[in-house]
Amino acid sequence: MAGGVASVLLGIALFGGLVWLQQPTMIFFPSARLVMTPEDWGLAYDDVTFRSTDGVSLHGWYVPREGARNVVLFLHGNAGNISHRGESVRIFHDLGLDVFIFDYRGYGRSEGRPSEAGLYEDARAAWRHLAEERGIDGGNVVIFGRSLGGAVAARLASEVDPGAVIIESAFTSARDVARAVFPVVSRLSVVRFEFRAAEYLAQVRAPVLVLHSRDDEIMPFELGERLFLSAREPKAFVELRGDHNAGFLMSQPGYGQALRQFLDRYLPEETQ
């Protein structure tokens, strides 16, 4: 009897350890190959290389819009790379905004390997590039994060002073996602990532827009609602329709209209 219990406990421990080791590959799905560039989307762009404080070379694109005085700092999700975000770049460009989109370490042409601390540092480096290399005032920057990028956006926005923050299809914390999506496995292994988006968002002073779909099959709608509740005023919530990856497209034209309404309302008049 005792031997059987010990075997079960050992099995659980081994399973938990295996899940712990595999978590990075369950979180990050980078792609190195750039399949398109903004030129393929009909947009002019600057090819940008910059460095994080720990020396990692990062790659991105700065897509200007004539007459724009605001810029979107685009923090993408956990899969692919910047070349897979053409529809989103076009939407923000059509809204009259410059777009700075870059790849985290380990994604696209950026060096290194992805990690939670690394993604936060990469976002800080992108912010510094806008401020120091392009002379853009923080109040003219809209921090946008989708999915995992929402947690990165919340962390960055809690440390700086952007003009506005937009978080789409995100979550409250990695632990909450694990409990909601993998209720059994999450009890058998330690969640090694935190991504405490709700905690970070609660510290943000800028206006916040949260968007989420009830049809999201990856990030539960409830977590999007709870993330919104954690934010300070002024804030707004927009319910999308469609799945996790295509909800913003399936919600057009309402999606673009909601973005425009939020930005028109909360960005300082002198920067519009």
C-alpha atoms as a PDB file:
ATOM      1  CA  MET A   1       0.000   0.000   0.000  1.00  0.00           C
ATOM      2  CA  ALA A   2       2.695   2.439   1.020  1.00  0.00           C
ATOM      3  CA  GLY A   3       4.695   1.525  -2.068  1.00  0.00           C
ATOM      4  CA  GLY A   4       1.711   2.237  -4.293  1.00  0.00           C
ATOM      5  CA  VAL A   5       1.178   5.664  -2.748  1.00  0.00           C
ATOM      6  CA  ALA A   6       4.862   6.453  -3.128  1.00  0.00           C
ATOM      7  CA  SER A   7       4.731   5.452  -6.788  1.00  0.00           C
ATOM      8  CA  VAL A   8       1.751   7.717  -7.400  1.00  0.00           C
ATOM      9  CA  LEU A   9       3.432  10.639  -5.653  1.00  0.00           C
ATOM     10  CA  LEU A  10       6.614  10.057  -7.606  1.00  0.00           C
ATOM     11  CA  GLY A  11       4.644   9.968 -10.837  1.00  0.00           C
ATOM     12  CA  ILE A  12       2.910  13.226  -9.991  1.00  0.00           C
ATOM     13  CA  ALA A  13       6.241  14.838  -9.110  1.00  0.00           C
ATOM     14  CA  LEU A  14       7.824  13.674 -12.355  1.00  0.00           C
ATOM     15  CA  PHE A  15       4.854  14.862 -14.378  1.00  0.00           C
ATOM     16  CA  GLY A  16       4.918  18.236 -12.632  1.00  0.00           C
ATOM     17  CA  GLY A  17       8.625  18.552 -13.264  1.00  0.00           C
ATOM     18  CA  LEU A  18       8.199  17.730 -16.944  1.00  0.00           C
ATOM     19  CA  VAL A  19       5.440  20.314 -17.314  1.00  0.00           C
ATOM     20  CA  TRP A  20       7.634  22.871 -15.531  1.00  0.00           C
ATOM     21  CA  LEU A  21      10.466  22.236 -17.975  1.00  0.00           C
ATOM     22  CA  GLN A  22       8.159  22.419 -20.987  1.00  0.00           C
ATOM     23  CA  GLN A  23       6.433  25.664 -20.027  1.00  0.00           C
ATOM     24  CA  PRO A  24       8.622  27.970 -22.155  1.00  0.00           C
ATOM     25  CA  THR A  25       7.687  25.996 -25.279  1.00  0.00           C
ATOM     26  CA  MET A  26       4.049  26.185 -24.204  1.00  0.00           C
ATOM     27  CA  ILE A  27       4.213  29.974 -23.891  1.00  0.00           C
ATOM     28  CA  PHE A  28       6.497  31.206 -26.653  1.00  0.00           C
ATOM     29  CA  PHE A  29       6.045  30.254 -30.312  1.00  0.00           C
ATOM     30  CA  PRO A  30       8.529  32.437 -32.192  1.00  0.00           C
ATOM     31  CA  SER A  31       9.094  32.325 -35.927  1.00  0.00           C
ATOM     32  CA  ALA A  32      12.381  33.535 -37.402  1.00  0.00           C
ATOM     33  CA  ARG A  33      11.318  33.959 -41.031  1.00  0.00           C
ATOM     34  CA  LEU A  34       9.795  37.267 -42.079  1.00  0.00           C
ATOM     35  CA  VAL A  35       7.178  36.412 -44.677  1.00  0.00           C
ATOM     36  CA  MET A  36       6.303  39.994 -45.611  1.00  0.00           C
ATOM     37  CA  THR A  37       7.350  43.587 -45.005  1.00  0.00           C
ATOM     38  CA  PRO A  38       5.289  46.795 -44.843  1.00  0.00           C
ATOM     39  CA  GLU A  39       6.239  47.342 -48.494  1.00  0.00           C
ATOM     40  CA  ASP A  40       4.116  44.297 -49.309  1.00  0.00           C
ATOM     41  CA  TRP A  41       1.260  45.995 -47.467  1.00  0.00           C
ATOM     42  CA  GLY A  42       1.728  49.155 -49.531  1.00  0.00           C
ATOM     43  CA  LEU A  43       3.350  51.088 -46.685  1.00  0.00           C
ATOM     44  CA  ALA A  44       6.654  52.951 -46.454  1.00  0.00           C
ATOM     45  CA  TYR A  45       8.777  52.046 -43.451  1.00  0.00           C
ATOM     46  CA  ASP A  46      12.101  52.394 -41.688  1.00  0.00           C
ATOM     47  CA  ASP A  47      13.954  49.192 -40.863  1.00  0.00           C
ATOM     48  CA  VAL A  48      15.038  49.611 -37.240  1.00  0.00           C
ATOM     49  CA  THR A  49      17.687  47.880 -35.138  1.00  0.00           C
ATOM     50  CA  PHE A  50      18.133  48.814 -31.480  1.00  0.00           C
ATOM     51  CA  ARG A  51      19.516  47.240 -28.310  1.00  0.00           C
ATOM     52  CA  SER A  52      18.148  46.342 -24.922  1.00  0.00           C
ATOM     53  CA  THR A  53      20.096  47.275 -21.814  1.00  0.00           C
ATOM     54  CA  ASP A  54      21.373  43.710 -21.542  1.00  0.00           C
ATOM     55  CA  GLY A  55      22.869  43.953 -25.023  1.00  0.00           C
ATOM     56  CA  VAL A  56      20.332  42.022 -27.111  1.00  0.00           C
ATOM     57  CA  SER A  57      19.942  43.313 -30.679  1.00  0.00           C
ATOM     58  CA  LEU A  58      16.259  43.833 -31.501  1.00  0.00           C
ATOM     59  CA  HIS A  59      14.607  44.396 -34.865  1.00  0.00           C
ATOM     60  CA  GLY A  60      11.491  46.285 -35.827  1.00  0.00           C
ATOM     61  CA  TRP A  61       9.745  48.510 -38.333  1.00  0.00           C
ATOM     62  CA  TYR A  62       8.717  52.127 -37.970  1.00  0.00           C
ATOM     63  CA  VAL A  63       5.771  52.782 -40.264  1.00  0.00           C
ATOM     64  CA  PRO A  64       5.101  56.524 -40.613  1.00  0.00           C
ATOM     65  CA  ARG A  65       1.810  58.119 -41.511  1.00  0.00           C
ATOM     66  CA  GLU A  66       1.943  61.567 -43.110  1.00  0.00           C
ATOM     67  CA  GLY A  67       0.669  64.225 -40.720  1.00  0.00           C
ATOM     68  CA  ALA A  68       0.634  61.899 -37.706  1.00  0.00           C
ATOM     69  CA  ARG A  69       1.644  63.294 -34.328  1.00  0.00           C
ATOM     70  CA  ASN A  70       0.912  60.138 -32.360  1.00  0.00           C
ATOM     71  CA  VAL A  71       2.554  56.742 -32.595  1.00  0.00           C
ATOM     72  CA  VAL A  72       1.399  53.268 -31.600  1.00  0.00           C
ATOM     73  CA  LEU A  73       3.996  51.103 -29.870  1.00  0.00           C
ATOM     74  CA  PHE A  74       2.767  47.675 -30.944  1.00  0.00           C
ATOM     75  CA  LEU A  75       3.467  44.720 -28.624  1.00  0.00           C
ATOM     76  CA  HIS A  76       2.409  41.539 -30.383  1.00  0.00           C
ATOM     77  CA  GLY A  77       1.362  38.158 -29.061  1.00  0.00           C
ATOM     78  CA  ASN A  78       3.322  35.001 -28.337  1.00  0.00           C
ATOM     79  CA  ALA A  79       3.438  33.471 -31.826  1.00  0.00           C
ATOM     80  CA  GLY A  80       4.951  34.326 -35.189  1.00  0.00           C
ATOM     81  CA  ASN A  81       6.670  37.678 -35.636  1.00  0.00           C
ATOM     82  CA  ILE A  82       6.033  41.223 -36.852  1.00  0.00           C
ATOM     83  CA  SER A  83       5.529  40.099 -40.451  1.00  0.00           C
ATOM     84  CA  HIS A  84       2.245  38.432 -39.439  1.00  0.00           C
ATOM     85  CA  ARG A  85       0.676  41.670 -38.164  1.00  0.00           C
ATOM     86  CA  GLY A  86      -0.053  43.438 -41.434  1.00  0.00           C
ATOM     87  CA  GLU A  87      -3.801  43.832 -40.915  1.00  0.00           C
ATOM     88  CA  SER A  88      -3.282  45.477 -37.524  1.00  0.00           C
ATOM     89  CA  VAL A  89      -0.560  47.792 -38.778  1.00  0.00           C
ATOM     90  CA  ARG A  90      -2.851  48.865 -41.610  1.00  0.00           C
ATOM     91  CA  ILE A  91      -5.730  49.560 -39.217  1.00  0.00           C
ATOM     92  CA  PHE A  92      -3.635  51.860 -37.030  1.00  0.00           C
ATOM     93  CA  HIS A  93      -2.083  53.505 -40.098  1.00  0.00           C
ATOM     94  CA  ASP A  94      -5.561  54.199 -41.485  1.00  0.00           C
ATOM     95  CA  LEU A  95      -6.469  55.773 -38.142  1.00  0.00           C
ATOM     96  CA  GLY A  96      -3.771  58.373 -38.838  1.00  0.00           C
ATOM     97  CA  LEU A  97      -1.074  56.995 -36.549  1.00  0.00           C
ATOM     98  CA  ASP A  98       2.577  56.111 -36.960  1.00  0.00           C
ATOM     99  CA  VAL A  99       3.260  52.512 -35.936  1.00  0.00           C
ATOM    100  CA  PHE A 100       6.396  51.155 -34.276  1.00  0.00           C
ATOM    101  CA  ILE A 101       6.242  47.368 -34.235  1.00  0.00           C
ATOM    102  CA  PHE A 102       9.177  45.205 -33.197  1.00  0.00           C
ATOM    103  CA  ASP A 103      10.032  41.623 -32.399  1.00  0.00           C
ATOM    104  CA  TYR A 104      10.876  40.461 -28.903  1.00  0.00           C
ATOM    105  CA  ARG A 105      14.137  38.609 -28.389  1.00  0.00           C
ATOM    106  CA  GLY A 106      14.062  35.275 -30.171  1.00  0.00           C
ATOM    107  CA  TYR A 107      11.389  36.378 -32.633  1.00  0.00           C
ATOM    108  CA  GLY A 108      11.988  37.358 -36.249  1.00  0.00           C
ATOM    109  CA  ARG A 109      15.396  38.976 -36.690  1.00  0.00           C
ATOM    110  CA  SER A 110      15.818  39.820 -33.017  1.00  0.00           C
ATOM    111  CA  GLU A 111      18.598  38.019 -31.192  1.00  0.00           C
ATOM    112  CA  GLY A 112      18.371  35.959 -28.027  1.00  0.00           C
ATOM    113  CA  ARG A 113      15.755  33.701 -26.497  1.00  0.00           C
ATOM    114  CA  PRO A 114      12.365  34.799 -25.173  1.00  0.00           C
ATOM    115  CA  SER A 115      11.694  35.019 -21.447  1.00  0.00           C
ATOM    116  CA  GLU A 116       9.260  36.961 -19.302  1.00  0.00           C
ATOM    117  CA  ALA A 117      11.912  39.352 -17.986  1.00  0.00           C
ATOM    118  CA  GLY A 118      13.372  39.628 -21.469  1.00  0.00           C
ATOM    119  CA  LEU A 119      10.066  40.680 -23.033  1.00  0.00           C
ATOM    120  CA  TYR A 120       9.642  43.400 -20.426  1.00  0.00           C
ATOM    121  CA  GLU A 121      13.162  44.638 -21.097  1.00  0.00           C
ATOM    122  CA  ASP A 122      12.571  44.614 -24.853  1.00  0.00           C
ATOM    123  CA  ALA A 123       9.463  46.776 -24.438  1.00  0.00           C
ATOM    124  CA  ARG A 124      11.457  49.249 -22.351  1.00  0.00           C
ATOM    125  CA  ALA A 125      14.119  49.350 -25.068  1.00  0.00           C
ATOM    126  CA  ALA A 126      11.473  50.103 -27.699  1.00  0.00           C
ATOM    127  CA  TRP A 127      10.108  52.924 -25.537  1.00  0.00           C
ATOM    128  CA  ARG A 128      13.606  54.356 -25.166  1.00  0.00           C
ATOM    129  CA  HIS A 129      14.114  54.170 -28.922  1.00  0.00           C
ATOM    130  CA  LEU A 130      11.031  56.294 -29.482  1.00  0.00           C
ATOM    131  CA  ALA A 131      12.100  58.813 -26.857  1.00  0.00           C
ATOM    132  CA  GLU A 132      15.844  58.997 -27.428  1.00  0.00           C
ATOM    133  CA  GLU A 133      16.292  58.213 -31.120  1.00  0.00           C
ATOM    134  CA  ARG A 134      13.106  59.752 -32.501  1.00  0.00           C
ATOM    135  CA  GLY A 135      12.443  62.443 -29.924  1.00  0.00           C
ATOM    136  CA  ILE A 136       8.840  61.407 -29.370  1.00  0.00           C
ATOM    137  CA  ASP A 137       7.196  62.595 -26.174  1.00  0.00           C
ATOM    138  CA  GLY A 138       5.651  59.823 -24.076  1.00  0.00           C
ATOM    139  CA  GLY A 139       2.303  61.598 -24.093  1.00  0.00           C
ATOM    140  CA  ASN A 140       2.173  61.068 -27.854  1.00  0.00           C
ATOM    141  CA  VAL A 141       2.647  57.302 -27.569  1.00  0.00           C
ATOM    142  CA  VAL A 142      -0.199  54.790 -27.456  1.00  0.00           C
ATOM    143  CA  ILE A 143       0.942  51.465 -25.992  1.00  0.00           C
ATOM    144  CA  PHE A 144      -0.941  48.612 -27.641  1.00  0.00           C
ATOM    145  CA  GLY A 145      -0.692  44.971 -26.558  1.00  0.00           C
ATOM    146  CA  ARG A 146      -2.513  41.934 -27.894  1.00  0.00           C
ATOM    147  CA  SER A 147      -2.770  38.592 -26.063  1.00  0.00           C
ATOM    148  CA  LEU A 148       0.565  37.969 -24.308  1.00  0.00           C
ATOM    149  CA  GLY A 149       1.581  41.425 -25.494  1.00  0.00           C
ATOM    150  CA  GLY A 150      -1.204  42.782 -23.298  1.00  0.00           C
ATOM    151  CA  ALA A 151       0.707  41.768 -20.187  1.00  0.00           C
ATOM    152  CA  VAL A 152       3.887  43.293 -21.610  1.00  0.00           C
ATOM    153  CA  ALA A 153       1.975  46.474 -22.439  1.00  0.00           C
ATOM    154  CA  ALA A 154       0.533  46.677 -18.925  1.00  0.00           C
ATOM    155  CA  ARG A 155       3.975  46.250 -17.386  1.00  0.00           C
ATOM    156  CA  LEU A 156       5.527  48.943 -19.582  1.00  0.00           C
ATOM    157  CA  ALA A 157       2.630  51.344 -19.068  1.00  0.00           C
ATOM    158  CA  SER A 158       2.972  50.956 -15.293  1.00  0.00           C
ATOM    159  CA  GLU A 159       6.548  52.234 -15.540  1.00  0.00           C
ATOM    160  CA  VAL A 160       6.198  55.106 -18.027  1.00  0.00           C
ATOM    161  CA  ASP A 161       3.657  57.798 -18.909  1.00  0.00           C
ATOM    162  CA  PRO A 162       2.024  57.069 -22.266  1.00  0.00           C
ATOM    163  CA  GLY A 163      -0.846  59.005 -23.777  1.00  0.00           C
ATOM    164  CA  ALA A 164      -3.120  55.968 -23.755  1.00  0.00           C
ATOM    165  CA  VAL A 165      -3.077  52.182 -23.385  1.00  0.00           C
ATOM    166  CA  ILE A 166      -4.997  49.625 -25.460  1.00  0.00           C
ATOM    167  CA  ILE A 167      -5.068  45.963 -24.403  1.00  0.00           C
ATOM    168  CA  GLU A 168      -6.762  43.355 -26.542  1.00  0.00           C
ATOM    169  CA  SER A 169      -7.609  39.679 -25.982  1.00  0.00           C
ATOM    170  CA  ALA A 170      -5.408  39.487 -22.896  1.00  0.00           C
ATOM    171  CA  PHE A 171      -5.663  38.101 -19.357  1.00  0.00           C
ATOM    172  CA  THR A 172      -5.131  38.870 -15.683  1.00  0.00           C
ATOM    173  CA  SER A 173      -2.117  36.642 -14.977  1.00  0.00           C
ATOM    174  CA  ALA A 174      -0.406  33.515 -16.247  1.00  0.00           C
ATOM    175  CA  ARG A 175      -1.598  31.630 -13.175  1.00  0.00           C
ATOM    176  CA  ASP A 176      -5.218  32.611 -13.862  1.00  0.00           C
ATOM    177  CA  VAL A 177      -4.900  31.399 -17.454  1.00  0.00           C
ATOM    178  CA  ALA A 178      -3.444  28.094 -16.298  1.00  0.00           C
ATOM    179  CA  ARG A 179      -6.250  27.592 -13.773  1.00  0.00           C
ATOM    180  CA  ALA A 180      -8.936  28.441 -16.344  1.00  0.00           C
ATOM    181  CA  VAL A 181      -7.558  26.498 -19.303  1.00  0.00           C
ATOM    182  CA  PHE A 182      -5.635  23.658 -17.607  1.00  0.00           C
ATOM    183  CA  PRO A 183      -7.339  23.264 -14.213  1.00  0.00           C
ATOM    184  CA  VAL A 184      -5.884  19.832 -13.433  1.00  0.00           C
ATOM    185  CA  VAL A 185      -2.381  20.324 -14.815  1.00  0.00           C
ATOM    186  CA  SER A 186      -2.052  23.695 -13.075  1.00  0.00           C
ATOM    187  CA  ARG A 187      -2.494  21.938  -9.735  1.00  0.00           C
ATOM    188  CA  LEU A 188       0.191  19.381 -10.485  1.00  0.00           C
ATOM    189  CA  SER A 189       2.958  21.771 -11.526  1.00  0.00           C
ATOM    190  CA  VAL A 190       4.289  25.149 -10.463  1.00  0.00           C
ATOM    191  CA  VAL A 191       3.494  27.909 -12.957  1.00  0.00           C
ATOM    192  CA  ARG A 192       6.913  29.378 -13.657  1.00  0.00           C
ATOM    193  CA  PHE A 193       5.673  32.506 -15.444  1.00  0.00           C
ATOM    194  CA  GLU A 194       3.791  35.345 -13.800  1.00  0.00           C
ATOM    195  CA  PHE A 195       2.730  37.952 -16.406  1.00  0.00           C
ATOM    196  CA  ARG A 196       0.685  39.730 -13.727  1.00  0.00           C
ATOM    197  CA  ALA A 197      -1.192  41.952 -16.172  1.00  0.00           C
ATOM    198  CA  ALA A 198      -4.005  42.954 -13.806  1.00  0.00           C
ATOM    199  CA  GLU A 199      -1.564  43.965 -11.090  1.00  0.00           C
ATOM    200  CA  TYR A 200       0.420  46.093 -13.541  1.00  0.00           C
ATOM    201  CA  LEU A 201      -2.650  47.626 -15.164  1.00  0.00           C
ATOM    202  CA  ALA A 202      -3.909  48.754 -11.774  1.00  0.00           C
ATOM    203  CA  GLN A 203      -0.858  51.028 -11.564  1.00  0.00           C
ATOM    204  CA  VAL A 204      -1.375  52.687 -14.961  1.00  0.00           C
ATOM    205  CA  ARG A 205      -2.392  56.350 -14.867  1.00  0.00           C
ATOM    206  CA  ALA A 206      -3.179  56.759 -18.574  1.00  0.00           C
ATOM    207  CA  PRO A 207      -6.627  56.115 -20.100  1.00  0.00           C
ATOM    208  CA  VAL A 208      -7.134  52.409 -20.784  1.00  0.00           C
ATOM    209  CA  LEU A 209      -9.157  50.569 -23.422  1.00  0.00           C
ATOM    210  CA  VAL A 210      -9.690  46.827 -23.015  1.00  0.00           C
ATOM    211  CA  LEU A 211     -11.142  44.750 -25.859  1.00  0.00           C
ATOM    212  CA  HIS A 212     -12.154  41.077 -25.673  1.00  0.00           C
ATOM    213  CA  SER A 213     -14.469  38.599 -27.383  1.00  0.00           C
ATOM    214  CA  ARG A 214     -16.852  36.154 -25.749  1.00  0.00           C
ATOM    215  CA  ASP A 215     -15.916  33.766 -28.565  1.00  0.00           C
ATOM    216  CA  ASP A 216     -12.223  33.822 -27.643  1.00  0.00           C
ATOM    217  CA  GLU A 217     -11.248  30.158 -27.439  1.00  0.00           C
ATOM    218  CA  ILE A 218      -7.792  30.781 -25.962  1.00  0.00           C
ATOM    219  CA  MET A 219      -8.138  33.607 -23.461  1.00  0.00           C
ATOM    220  CA  PRO A 220     -11.406  33.327 -21.482  1.00  0.00           C
ATOM    221  CA  PHE A 221     -13.682  36.352 -21.730  1.00  0.00           C
ATOM    222  CA  GLU A 222     -13.972  36.411 -17.941  1.00  0.00           C
ATOM    223  CA  LEU A 223     -10.258  37.185 -17.649  1.00  0.00           C
ATOM    224  CA  GLY A 224     -10.671  40.099 -20.029  1.00  0.00           C
ATOM    225  CA  GLU A 225     -13.508  41.446 -17.887  1.00  0.00           C
ATOM    226  CA  ARG A 226     -11.454  41.070 -14.725  1.00  0.00           C
ATOM    227  CA  LEU A 227      -8.504  42.767 -16.368  1.00  0.00           C
ATOM    228  CA  PHE A 228     -10.740  45.721 -17.211  1.00  0.00           C
ATOM    229  CA  LEU A 229     -12.011  45.917 -13.636  1.00  0.00           C
ATOM    230  CA  SER A 230      -8.437  46.161 -12.380  1.00  0.00           C
ATOM    231  CA  ALA A 231      -7.776  49.335 -14.415  1.00  0.00           C
ATOM    232  CA  ARG A 232      -8.205  52.827 -13.032  1.00  0.00           C
ATOM    233  CA  GLU A 233     -10.509  55.390 -14.552  1.00  0.00           C
ATOM    234  CA  PRO A 234     -10.680  56.672 -17.195  1.00  0.00           C
ATOM    235  CA  LYS A 235     -11.232  53.392 -18.943  1.00  0.00           C
ATOM    236  CA  ALA A 236     -13.474  51.740 -21.511  1.00  0.00           C
ATOM    237  CA  PHE A 237     -14.400  48.180 -22.454  1.00  0.00           C
ATOM    238  CA  VAL A 238     -15.372  46.993 -25.928  1.00  0.00           C
ATOM    239  CA  GLU A 239     -16.751  43.534 -26.586  1.00  0.00           C
ATOM    240  CA  LEU A 240     -15.466  41.984 -29.802  1.00  0.00           C
ATOM    241  CA  ARG A 241     -16.859  39.028 -31.708  1.00  0.00           C
ATOM    242  CA  GLY A 242     -14.937  36.161 -33.250  1.00  0.00           C
ATOM    243  CA  ASP A 243     -12.032  34.012 -32.157  1.00  0.00           C
ATOM    244  CA  HIS A 244      -8.757  34.887 -30.469  1.00  0.00           C
ATOM    245  CA  ASN A 245      -6.649  35.478 -33.553  1.00  0.00           C
ATOM    246  CA  ALA A 246      -9.179  37.004 -35.938  1.00  0.00           C
ATOM    247  CA  GLY A 247     -11.648  38.709 -33.615  1.00  0.00           C
ATOM    248  CA  PHE A 248     -10.379  42.177 -34.413  1.00  0.00           C
ATOM    249  CA  LEU A 249     -10.962  41.540 -38.127  1.00  0.00           C
ATOM    250  CA  MET A 250     -14.335  39.868 -37.618  1.00  0.00           C
ATOM    251  CA  SER A 251     -15.392  42.869 -35.527  1.00  0.00           C
ATOM    252  CA  GLN A 252     -14.770  45.393 -38.278  1.00  0.00           C
ATOM    253  CA  PRO A 253     -15.797  48.101 -38.945  1.00  0.00           C
ATOM    254  CA  GLY A 254     -16.832  48.466 -35.306  1.00  0.00           C
ATOM    255  CA  TYR A 255     -13.345  47.610 -34.106  1.00  0.00           C
ATOM    256  CA  GLY A 256     -11.691  50.474 -35.935  1.00  0.00           C
ATOM    257  CA  GLN A 257     -14.484  52.823 -34.927  1.00  0.00           C
ATOM    258  CA  ALA A 258     -14.033  51.905 -31.267  1.00  0.00           C
ATOM    259  CA  LEU A 259     -10.305  52.590 -31.471  1.00  0.00           C
ATOM    260  CA  ARG A 260     -10.903  55.953 -33.122  1.00  0.00           C
ATOM    261  CA  GLN A 261     -13.540  56.949 -30.585  1.00  0.00           C
ATOM    262  CA  PHE A 262     -11.272  56.079 -27.673  1.00  0.00           C
ATOM    263  CA  LEU A 263      -8.253  57.879 -29.097  1.00  0.00           C
ATOM    264  CA  ASP A 264     -10.259  60.952 -30.088  1.00  0.00           C
ATOM    265  CA  ARG A 265     -11.676  61.171 -26.591  1.00  0.00           C
ATOM    266  CA  TYR A 266      -8.599  60.625 -24.493  1.00  0.00           C
ATOM    267  CA  LEU A 267      -5.535  61.801 -26.360  1.00  0.00           C
ATOM    268  CA  PRO A 268      -4.690  65.413 -25.540  1.00  0.00           C
ATOM    269  CA  GLU A 269      -6.138  67.761 -28.127  1.00  0.00           C
ATOM    270  CA  GLU A 270      -2.812  69.385 -28.798  1.00  0.00           C
ATOM    271  CA  THR A 271      -1.324  66.046 -29.905  1.00  0.00           C
ATOM    272  CA  GLN A 272      -4.079  65.123 -32.364  1.00  0.00           C
END
